[in-house]
């Protein structure tokens, strides 16, 4: 299947196997409005008077590479951005907040080593990344903290706020960790610490181009957190939903009060991230201060297939994945907001993280996901873009156990996962060909749709 697809790329022809019958209500807008900020009109993103569609990636570690301090590599960051630009990538999702933690396998150094204190070298790295992206006309989605432990996140804010011991998820279990992290939403002191950081970022001035962040159109969206959940699938989480919803609405409103130029998103995994309940997902995104919907897709982690039994289970897992994407379309249509698949990933063949293992399963998965999103967007469904997880580029695992340690190169996989597990490296030529092909297709949609909209008026 991969070989035939690559042949289609070489001949610049592609016949898609299906046409989705999901018509969306594409919004229309006043022509003549020129604005480099990405805006929302109905179920579409708008940029410079045209619909904005994209294939993007996650380069969460961009501010670390951009840092002028120890561990930074600005030359590498520029090369990585050049590589992504050559592939047609126009959108990058990246970390803008990390909290120093003694939890196991967490990112170090951190942007916030203690409450109210910030590492200026990493913030200079964020400045540098945004300035370099602006040169390449790329857009950034910036998440401001993390529900998970690998960058400190909400759990670390709770540790600081309540002076409690660091949570050991390996010992106490991940369900208990998820519920612990989710107490953040009602912890006023923890939320206040988080808001101090949010304020400092939104009011920051870029040292490389002198732009205030709130005036910088390179930023597409502020994101409340990476993958916030109300907790594990438990009675606690059901009871915690009002706190979860209130935090989303109030935090989004707070960001809008500081910055009216940029979009706000939650960072949700989708229905899976809201207790697998579509109504909870809809309500979370119904806040008038949340501009668009997000979803993530992790079929192996969610046990929809077994990558060690690739031949027997991959097709069923792929079908479930495609159905999961489509399940979010009606919610976006009802709310009249765009939808972004901002994380999706899959391991290399045989679930091996080594760069020496082939990527036929990943290529097949990427092709199917990109084709579904492209066909859906083309025929009016309210989905506008994708960000694959993650770009590893030049990064390579350094340790024999493949786990990241402070000072090691970044590969795209966070510190708690084997390095290379979900990374696309610069030597993964077949995967890059798939990405490039669909990036060109998605980038071309804006001109097609713009013409269609003008004639339909």
Protein backbone atom coordinates (compact mmCIF):
# COMPACT_ATOMS: atom_id res chain seq x y z
CA UNK A 1 0.00 0.00 0.00
CA UNK A 2 2.82 2.40 0.87
CA UNK A 3 4.63 1.79 -2.41
CA UNK A 4 1.54 2.54 -4.48
CA UNK A 5 0.94 5.72 -2.51
CA UNK A 6 4.51 6.91 -3.06
CA UNK A 7 4.06 6.24 -6.77
CA UNK A 8 1.01 8.53 -6.72
CA UNK A 9 3.12 11.22 -5.07
CA UNK A 10 5.75 10.94 -7.77
CA UNK A 11 3.14 11.35 -10.51
CA UNK A 12 1.25 14.10 -8.58
CA UNK A 13 -2.01 12.20 -8.91
CA UNK A 14 -4.23 10.84 -6.19
CA UNK A 15 -7.66 9.27 -6.37
CA UNK A 16 -9.18 9.15 -2.91
CA UNK A 17 -11.20 6.08 -2.06
CA UNK A 18 -14.20 7.82 -0.61
CA UNK A 19 -16.06 11.11 -0.35
CA UNK A 20 -17.40 12.06 3.05
CA UNK A 21 -20.99 13.08 3.18
CA UNK A 22 -20.53 15.55 6.02
CA UNK A 23 -21.52 18.97 4.81
CA UNK A 24 -20.51 21.79 7.15
CA UNK A 25 -21.65 25.34 7.49
CA UNK A 26 -18.62 27.21 6.23
CA UNK A 27 -18.80 30.75 7.46
CA UNK A 28 -18.35 33.74 5.19
CA UNK A 29 -16.72 37.02 5.98
CA UNK A 30 -16.48 40.62 4.71
CA UNK A 31 -14.04 40.79 1.79
CA UNK A 32 -11.39 43.45 1.95
CA UNK A 33 -10.53 42.83 5.62
CA UNK A 34 -6.77 42.38 5.76
CA UNK A 35 -5.52 40.91 9.01
CA UNK A 36 -2.47 38.74 9.58
CA UNK A 37 -3.99 37.30 12.76
CA UNK A 38 -5.80 33.99 12.33
CA UNK A 39 -9.51 34.53 13.03
CA UNK A 40 -12.61 32.34 13.11
CA UNK A 41 -15.68 32.72 10.91
CA UNK A 42 -18.20 29.98 11.57
CA UNK A 43 -16.47 26.63 11.14
CA UNK A 44 -13.47 28.04 9.29
CA UNK A 45 -10.22 29.72 10.23
CA UNK A 46 -9.58 32.90 8.25
CA UNK A 47 -6.18 34.38 7.47
CA UNK A 48 -5.77 37.42 5.24
CA UNK A 49 -9.31 37.12 3.88
CA UNK A 50 -8.92 33.45 2.93
CA UNK A 51 -9.78 30.18 4.63
CA UNK A 52 -6.77 28.84 6.51
CA UNK A 53 -6.07 25.10 6.27
CA UNK A 54 -2.83 23.50 7.36
CA UNK A 55 -0.68 20.49 8.01
CA UNK A 56 1.41 21.24 11.08
CA UNK A 57 3.53 19.46 13.63
CA UNK A 58 4.36 19.40 17.31
CA UNK A 59 7.79 20.85 18.06
CA UNK A 60 7.10 21.29 21.75
CA UNK A 61 10.79 21.76 22.58
CA UNK A 62 11.31 24.78 20.29
CA UNK A 63 11.98 27.21 23.16
CA UNK A 64 14.62 24.81 24.51
CA UNK A 65 16.46 24.73 21.20
CA UNK A 66 16.04 28.49 20.88
CA UNK A 67 17.58 29.19 24.28
CA UNK A 68 20.90 31.07 24.29
CA UNK A 69 21.72 29.24 27.52
CA UNK A 70 23.06 25.78 28.29
CA UNK A 71 21.43 23.09 26.16
CA UNK A 72 20.14 25.50 23.54
CA UNK A 73 20.97 25.08 19.87
CA UNK A 74 19.69 27.99 17.83
CA UNK A 75 21.45 26.79 14.68
CA UNK A 76 19.63 23.46 14.92
CA UNK A 77 16.30 25.19 15.49
CA UNK A 78 16.75 27.22 12.32
CA UNK A 79 17.63 24.06 10.37
CA UNK A 80 14.57 22.26 11.76
CA UNK A 81 12.30 25.15 10.79
CA UNK A 82 13.87 25.21 7.32
CA UNK A 83 13.18 21.48 6.94
CA UNK A 84 9.58 21.90 8.05
CA UNK A 85 9.09 24.86 5.74
CA UNK A 86 10.40 22.80 2.82
CA UNK A 87 7.79 20.15 3.65
CA UNK A 88 4.97 22.72 3.52
CA UNK A 89 4.44 22.85 7.30
CA UNK A 90 2.87 26.16 8.27
CA UNK A 91 1.72 25.54 11.85
CA UNK A 92 3.70 24.48 14.93
CA UNK A 93 2.32 23.54 18.32
CA UNK A 94 4.83 24.13 21.10
CA UNK A 95 5.30 24.37 24.83
CA UNK A 96 5.25 27.86 26.38
CA UNK A 97 5.13 26.81 30.03
CA UNK A 98 6.98 24.18 32.09
CA UNK A 99 7.34 23.84 35.86
CA UNK A 100 10.37 22.43 37.69
CA UNK A 101 9.44 19.17 39.41
CA UNK A 102 11.10 16.30 41.22
CA UNK A 103 8.56 13.89 39.79
CA UNK A 104 10.27 11.11 37.87
CA UNK A 105 11.38 11.69 34.29
CA UNK A 106 10.39 15.33 34.05
CA UNK A 107 11.78 18.04 31.82
CA UNK A 108 14.74 20.05 33.12
CA UNK A 109 15.47 22.94 33.17
CA UNK A 110 12.03 24.54 33.39
CA UNK A 111 10.57 27.90 32.46
CA UNK A 112 9.14 28.26 35.98
CA UNK A 113 11.63 26.88 38.53
CA UNK A 114 9.48 28.20 41.39
CA UNK A 115 6.23 30.18 41.66
CA UNK A 116 6.59 33.66 40.17
CA UNK A 117 10.18 33.02 39.06
CA UNK A 118 10.98 32.45 35.39
CA UNK A 119 14.05 31.21 33.52
CA UNK A 120 14.80 34.06 31.14
CA UNK A 121 17.07 31.95 28.93
CA UNK A 122 14.17 29.66 28.04
CA UNK A 123 11.85 32.61 27.53
CA UNK A 124 14.51 34.11 25.24
CA UNK A 125 14.36 30.74 23.48
CA UNK A 126 10.63 31.21 22.99
CA UNK A 127 11.29 34.72 21.68
CA UNK A 128 13.84 33.34 19.23
CA UNK A 129 11.54 30.54 18.03
CA UNK A 130 8.66 32.95 17.38
CA UNK A 131 10.94 35.43 15.60
CA UNK A 132 12.31 32.69 13.33
CA UNK A 133 8.83 31.34 12.64
CA UNK A 134 7.70 34.83 11.63
CA UNK A 135 10.45 34.91 9.00
CA UNK A 136 8.99 31.71 7.54
CA UNK A 137 5.34 32.86 7.81
CA UNK A 138 4.50 30.03 10.23
CA UNK A 139 1.83 30.13 12.94
CA UNK A 140 2.26 28.94 16.55
CA UNK A 141 -0.09 27.24 18.98
CA UNK A 142 1.31 27.73 22.51
CA UNK A 143 0.22 25.55 25.44
CA UNK A 144 0.66 27.20 28.82
CA UNK A 145 0.92 24.22 31.18
CA UNK A 146 0.37 20.45 31.18
CA UNK A 147 -2.11 18.05 32.73
CA UNK A 148 0.64 15.40 32.65
CA UNK A 149 3.78 15.27 34.75
CA UNK A 150 6.50 15.28 32.08
CA UNK A 151 6.84 19.09 32.13
CA UNK A 152 5.77 19.61 35.75
CA UNK A 153 2.31 20.89 34.96
CA UNK A 154 -0.79 21.11 37.11
CA UNK A 155 0.49 18.53 39.59
CA UNK A 156 3.52 20.70 40.33
CA UNK A 157 1.34 23.76 40.88
CA UNK A 158 -0.57 21.70 43.49
CA UNK A 159 2.70 20.65 45.15
CA UNK A 160 3.71 24.32 45.40
CA UNK A 161 0.29 25.55 46.50
CA UNK A 162 -0.35 22.98 49.21
CA UNK A 163 3.24 22.11 50.20
CA UNK A 164 2.49 18.44 49.65
CA UNK A 165 4.99 15.72 48.69
CA UNK A 166 5.73 15.11 45.03
CA UNK A 167 3.30 12.59 43.56
CA UNK A 168 4.87 9.25 42.58
CA UNK A 169 2.64 7.93 39.78
CA UNK A 170 4.70 4.76 39.38
CA UNK A 171 4.03 3.83 42.99
CA UNK A 172 0.49 5.13 43.48
CA UNK A 173 -0.88 4.49 39.98
CA UNK A 174 -1.82 6.64 37.01
CA UNK A 175 -5.52 6.82 37.80
CA UNK A 176 -4.72 8.34 41.17
CA UNK A 177 -2.25 10.71 39.53
CA UNK A 178 -4.89 11.86 37.05
CA UNK A 179 -7.35 12.59 39.85
CA UNK A 180 -4.63 14.38 41.82
CA UNK A 181 -3.70 16.54 38.84
CA UNK A 182 -7.38 17.35 38.25
CA UNK A 183 -7.76 18.85 41.74
CA UNK A 184 -5.89 21.80 40.23
CA UNK A 185 -9.11 23.29 38.82
CA UNK A 186 -10.60 24.04 42.24
CA UNK A 187 -7.30 24.85 43.98
CA UNK A 188 -7.45 28.65 44.07
CA UNK A 189 -3.83 29.08 45.13
CA UNK A 190 -2.54 26.79 42.37
CA UNK A 191 -4.69 28.51 39.75
CA UNK A 192 -3.48 31.90 40.96
CA UNK A 193 0.16 30.80 40.51
CA UNK A 194 -0.67 29.62 37.01
CA UNK A 195 -2.32 32.95 36.19
CA UNK A 196 0.78 34.84 37.29
CA UNK A 197 2.70 32.92 34.66
CA UNK A 198 -0.01 33.37 32.03
CA UNK A 199 0.02 37.12 32.62
CA UNK A 200 3.79 37.29 32.27
CA UNK A 201 3.71 35.47 28.92
CA UNK A 202 0.78 37.34 27.41
CA UNK A 203 2.31 40.72 28.31
CA UNK A 204 5.86 39.78 27.28
CA UNK A 205 7.86 41.65 24.63
CA UNK A 206 9.97 39.62 22.21
CA UNK A 207 13.63 40.51 22.59
CA UNK A 208 14.46 39.56 19.00
CA UNK A 209 11.85 41.55 17.09
CA UNK A 210 10.52 43.92 19.79
CA UNK A 211 6.92 42.73 19.32
CA UNK A 212 4.59 42.37 22.26
CA UNK A 213 3.34 38.80 22.27
CA UNK A 214 -0.26 39.98 22.29
CA UNK A 215 0.47 41.97 19.11
CA UNK A 216 2.33 39.18 17.32
CA UNK A 217 0.33 37.50 14.51
CA UNK A 218 2.84 34.63 14.48
CA UNK A 219 0.87 33.30 17.44
CA UNK A 220 -2.36 31.68 16.29
CA UNK A 221 -3.67 30.46 19.63
CA UNK A 222 -3.08 30.45 23.36
CA UNK A 223 -3.87 27.00 24.70
CA UNK A 224 -4.95 26.55 28.32
CA UNK A 225 -2.98 23.35 28.80
CA UNK A 226 -1.80 20.19 27.14
CA UNK A 227 -4.56 17.57 27.40
CA UNK A 228 -6.51 18.83 30.44
CA UNK A 229 -8.93 16.20 31.77
CA UNK A 230 -11.44 16.25 34.63
CA UNK A 231 -9.61 13.21 36.03
CA UNK A 232 -9.55 9.48 35.44
CA UNK A 233 -12.73 7.63 34.46
CA UNK A 234 -14.00 7.67 38.03
CA UNK A 235 -16.69 8.95 40.36
CA UNK A 236 -14.27 11.71 41.37
CA UNK A 237 -14.12 12.96 37.79
CA UNK A 238 -17.89 13.13 37.42
CA UNK A 239 -18.09 15.19 40.59
CA UNK A 240 -15.17 17.34 39.40
CA UNK A 241 -16.79 18.30 36.09
CA UNK A 242 -18.22 21.65 37.35
CA UNK A 243 -14.73 22.66 38.50
CA UNK A 244 -13.27 21.58 35.16
CA UNK A 245 -15.83 23.48 33.10
CA UNK A 246 -15.57 26.58 35.30
CA UNK A 247 -11.78 26.65 35.01
CA UNK A 248 -11.98 26.41 31.21
CA UNK A 249 -14.47 29.24 30.90
CA UNK A 250 -12.86 31.56 33.46
CA UNK A 251 -9.30 30.98 32.22
CA UNK A 252 -10.27 31.51 28.59
CA UNK A 253 -12.08 34.71 29.58
CA UNK A 254 -9.04 35.87 31.55
CA UNK A 255 -6.75 35.34 28.54
CA UNK A 256 -9.17 37.25 26.32
CA UNK A 257 -9.20 40.13 28.81
CA UNK A 258 -5.43 40.47 28.37
CA UNK A 259 -5.26 39.73 24.65
CA UNK A 260 -8.14 40.23 22.24
CA UNK A 261 -6.03 39.54 19.13
CA UNK A 262 -5.47 35.84 19.50
CA UNK A 263 -7.58 32.72 19.50
CA UNK A 264 -7.98 30.58 22.63
CA UNK A 265 -8.20 26.79 22.67
CA UNK A 266 -8.37 24.19 25.43
CA UNK A 267 -5.84 21.55 24.31
CA UNK A 268 -8.38 18.75 24.77
CA UNK A 269 -7.81 15.21 23.51
CA UNK A 270 -11.41 15.21 22.39
CA UNK A 271 -14.17 12.94 23.57
CA UNK A 272 -11.69 10.48 25.10
CA UNK A 273 -10.31 13.33 27.21
CA UNK A 274 -13.75 14.20 28.62
CA UNK A 275 -14.68 10.86 30.16
CA UNK A 276 -15.54 9.48 26.68
CA UNK A 277 -18.72 11.54 26.76
CA UNK A 278 -19.63 13.62 23.72
CA UNK A 279 -21.89 15.94 25.71
CA UNK A 280 -19.13 16.73 28.19
CA UNK A 281 -16.82 17.47 25.26
CA UNK A 282 -19.41 19.75 23.67
CA UNK A 283 -20.04 21.62 26.91
CA UNK A 284 -16.30 22.12 27.53
CA UNK A 285 -16.00 23.84 24.16
CA UNK A 286 -19.24 25.81 24.37
CA UNK A 287 -17.64 28.70 26.27
CA UNK A 288 -17.88 31.88 24.18
CA UNK A 289 -14.23 32.50 25.05
CA UNK A 290 -13.05 29.24 23.43
CA UNK A 291 -12.67 29.78 19.70
CA UNK A 292 -12.24 26.28 18.29
CA UNK A 293 -12.29 22.59 19.16
CA UNK A 294 -9.30 20.30 19.50
CA UNK A 295 -8.82 16.56 19.50
CA UNK A 296 -5.90 14.12 19.76
CA UNK A 297 -5.56 10.57 18.45
CA UNK A 298 -3.49 7.83 20.08
CA UNK A 299 -4.80 4.44 18.90
CA UNK A 300 -2.02 2.31 20.37
CA UNK A 301 -1.92 4.12 23.74
CA UNK A 302 -5.72 3.89 23.91
CA UNK A 303 -5.42 0.14 23.10
CA UNK A 304 -7.42 0.23 19.91
CA UNK A 305 -4.77 -2.00 18.39
CA UNK A 306 -1.63 -3.85 19.45
CA UNK A 307 1.46 -2.65 17.55
CA UNK A 308 3.22 -5.91 18.43
CA UNK A 309 0.46 -7.71 16.54
CA UNK A 310 0.49 -5.29 13.66
CA UNK A 311 -0.87 -7.54 10.92
CA UNK A 312 -3.78 -8.83 12.99
CA UNK A 313 -4.91 -5.61 14.69
CA UNK A 314 -3.85 -2.57 12.64
CA UNK A 315 -6.83 -2.43 10.28
CA UNK A 316 -9.40 -2.52 13.09
CA UNK A 317 -7.44 0.13 14.99
CA UNK A 318 -7.33 2.34 11.91
CA UNK A 319 -11.07 2.01 11.36
CA UNK A 320 -11.72 2.95 14.99
CA UNK A 321 -9.39 5.94 14.63
CA UNK A 322 -11.17 7.24 11.54
CA UNK A 323 -14.55 6.83 13.19
CA UNK A 324 -13.23 8.74 16.22
CA UNK A 325 -12.20 11.70 14.08
CA UNK A 326 -15.56 11.84 12.33
CA UNK A 327 -17.41 11.62 15.66
CA UNK A 328 -16.23 15.16 16.47
CA UNK A 329 -17.63 16.76 13.31
CA UNK A 330 -21.25 17.11 14.50
CA UNK A 331 -20.10 18.75 17.75
CA UNK A 332 -18.07 21.34 15.84
CA UNK A 333 -20.97 21.92 13.48
CA UNK A 334 -23.45 22.46 16.33
CA UNK A 335 -21.09 24.89 18.08
CA UNK A 336 -20.17 26.55 14.76
CA UNK A 337 -16.48 26.39 15.50
CA UNK A 338 -13.52 24.89 13.60
CA UNK A 339 -11.88 21.63 14.67
CA UNK A 340 -8.16 20.76 14.72
CA UNK A 341 -6.59 17.31 15.09
CA UNK A 342 -3.58 18.74 16.91
CA UNK A 343 -1.89 15.53 18.04
CA UNK A 344 -1.75 12.13 16.41
CA UNK A 345 1.00 9.58 16.42
CA UNK A 346 1.96 5.97 16.13
CA UNK A 347 5.05 3.89 16.85
CA UNK A 348 7.48 2.44 14.34
CA UNK A 349 7.00 -1.14 13.16
CA UNK A 350 7.07 -3.77 15.92
CA UNK A 351 6.70 -0.96 18.49
CA UNK A 352 10.46 -0.42 18.40
CA UNK A 353 11.71 3.13 19.02
CA UNK A 354 15.01 2.59 17.23
CA UNK A 355 15.57 4.75 14.16
CA UNK A 356 16.76 1.60 12.38
CA UNK A 357 13.27 0.08 12.38
CA UNK A 358 10.97 0.67 9.38
CA UNK A 359 7.92 2.94 9.41
CA UNK A 360 5.47 1.19 7.08
CA UNK A 361 2.73 1.14 9.73
CA UNK A 362 3.25 4.84 10.48
CA UNK A 363 3.19 5.75 6.78
CA UNK A 364 -0.07 3.86 6.33
CA UNK A 365 -1.58 5.53 9.40
CA UNK A 366 -0.45 9.02 8.41
CA UNK A 367 -1.70 8.58 4.86
CA UNK A 368 -5.12 7.47 6.06
CA UNK A 369 -5.48 10.25 8.64
CA UNK A 370 -4.30 12.99 6.29
CA UNK A 371 -6.54 11.75 3.49
CA UNK A 372 -9.58 11.66 5.77
CA UNK A 373 -8.94 15.20 7.02
CA UNK A 374 -8.26 16.52 3.51
CA UNK A 375 -11.35 14.93 1.99
CA UNK A 376 -13.47 16.08 4.92
CA UNK A 377 -12.24 19.67 4.73
CA UNK A 378 -12.59 19.70 0.95
CA UNK A 379 -16.24 18.70 1.11
CA UNK A 380 -17.19 21.09 3.90
CA UNK A 381 -16.69 19.29 7.20
CA UNK A 382 -15.60 21.63 10.01
CA UNK A 383 -12.02 20.37 10.29
CA UNK A 384 -9.21 22.69 9.29
CA UNK A 385 -5.86 21.24 10.23
CA UNK A 386 -3.59 18.62 11.72
CA UNK A 387 -0.43 18.65 13.84
CA UNK A 388 1.36 15.31 13.80
CA UNK A 389 3.32 14.23 16.89
CA UNK A 390 6.11 14.85 16.67
CA UNK A 391 8.99 16.26 14.64
CA UNK A 392 12.27 14.78 15.89
CA UNK A 393 14.34 16.08 12.98
CA UNK A 394 18.04 15.84 13.74
CA UNK A 395 17.51 14.60 17.31
CA UNK A 396 18.69 11.13 18.28
CA UNK A 397 18.41 9.06 21.46
CA UNK A 398 21.65 9.12 23.42
CA UNK A 399 21.13 6.64 26.26
CA UNK A 400 21.24 2.85 25.95
CA UNK A 401 17.77 2.61 27.54
CA UNK A 402 16.53 5.30 25.11
CA UNK A 403 15.21 7.43 27.99
CA UNK A 404 15.92 11.17 28.00
CA UNK A 405 18.21 12.72 30.59
CA UNK A 406 18.97 16.38 31.17
CA UNK A 407 21.38 17.62 28.53
CA UNK A 408 20.42 14.99 25.94
CA UNK A 409 19.23 16.05 22.47
CA UNK A 410 15.48 16.51 22.06
CA UNK A 411 13.76 14.09 19.70
CA UNK A 412 10.06 14.99 19.96
CA UNK A 413 9.23 12.38 22.57
CA UNK A 414 8.80 13.79 26.09
CA UNK A 415 11.06 12.77 28.95
CA UNK A 416 8.86 9.94 30.24
CA UNK A 417 8.80 8.00 26.93
CA UNK A 418 11.51 6.18 24.98
CA UNK A 419 13.17 8.64 22.63
CA UNK A 420 12.14 7.89 19.07
CA UNK A 421 8.86 6.23 20.04
CA UNK A 422 6.65 8.66 18.12
CA UNK A 423 9.27 10.88 16.48
CA UNK A 424 9.54 11.58 12.77
CA UNK A 425 13.24 11.97 12.02
CA UNK A 426 14.85 13.76 9.11
CA UNK A 427 15.90 10.37 7.71
CA UNK A 428 12.32 9.00 7.61
CA UNK A 429 12.04 9.83 3.92
CA UNK A 430 8.86 7.91 3.16
CA UNK A 431 6.97 9.54 6.04
CA UNK A 432 8.26 12.97 5.02
CA UNK A 433 6.99 12.31 1.48
CA UNK A 434 3.51 11.58 2.83
CA UNK A 435 3.56 14.73 4.99
CA UNK A 436 4.80 16.92 2.14
CA UNK A 437 2.17 15.61 -0.25
CA UNK A 438 -0.75 16.35 2.05
CA UNK A 439 0.71 19.66 3.23
CA UNK A 440 0.63 20.81 -0.37
CA UNK A 441 -2.95 19.61 -0.72
CA UNK A 442 -4.15 21.33 2.45
CA UNK A 443 -2.26 24.54 1.65
CA UNK A 444 -3.95 24.58 -1.75
CA UNK A 445 -7.44 24.33 -0.29
CA UNK A 446 -7.57 27.98 0.73
CA UNK A 447 -7.40 29.22 -2.85
CA UNK A 448 -9.97 26.71 -4.07
CA UNK A 449 -12.40 27.50 -1.26
CA UNK A 450 -11.89 31.24 -1.60
CA UNK A 451 -12.86 31.12 -5.27
CA UNK A 452 -15.83 28.86 -4.58
CA UNK A 453 -17.08 31.17 -1.83
CA UNK A 454 -16.77 34.29 -4.00
CA UNK A 455 -18.72 32.73 -6.86
CA UNK A 456 -21.37 31.34 -4.52
CA UNK A 457 -22.02 34.84 -3.17
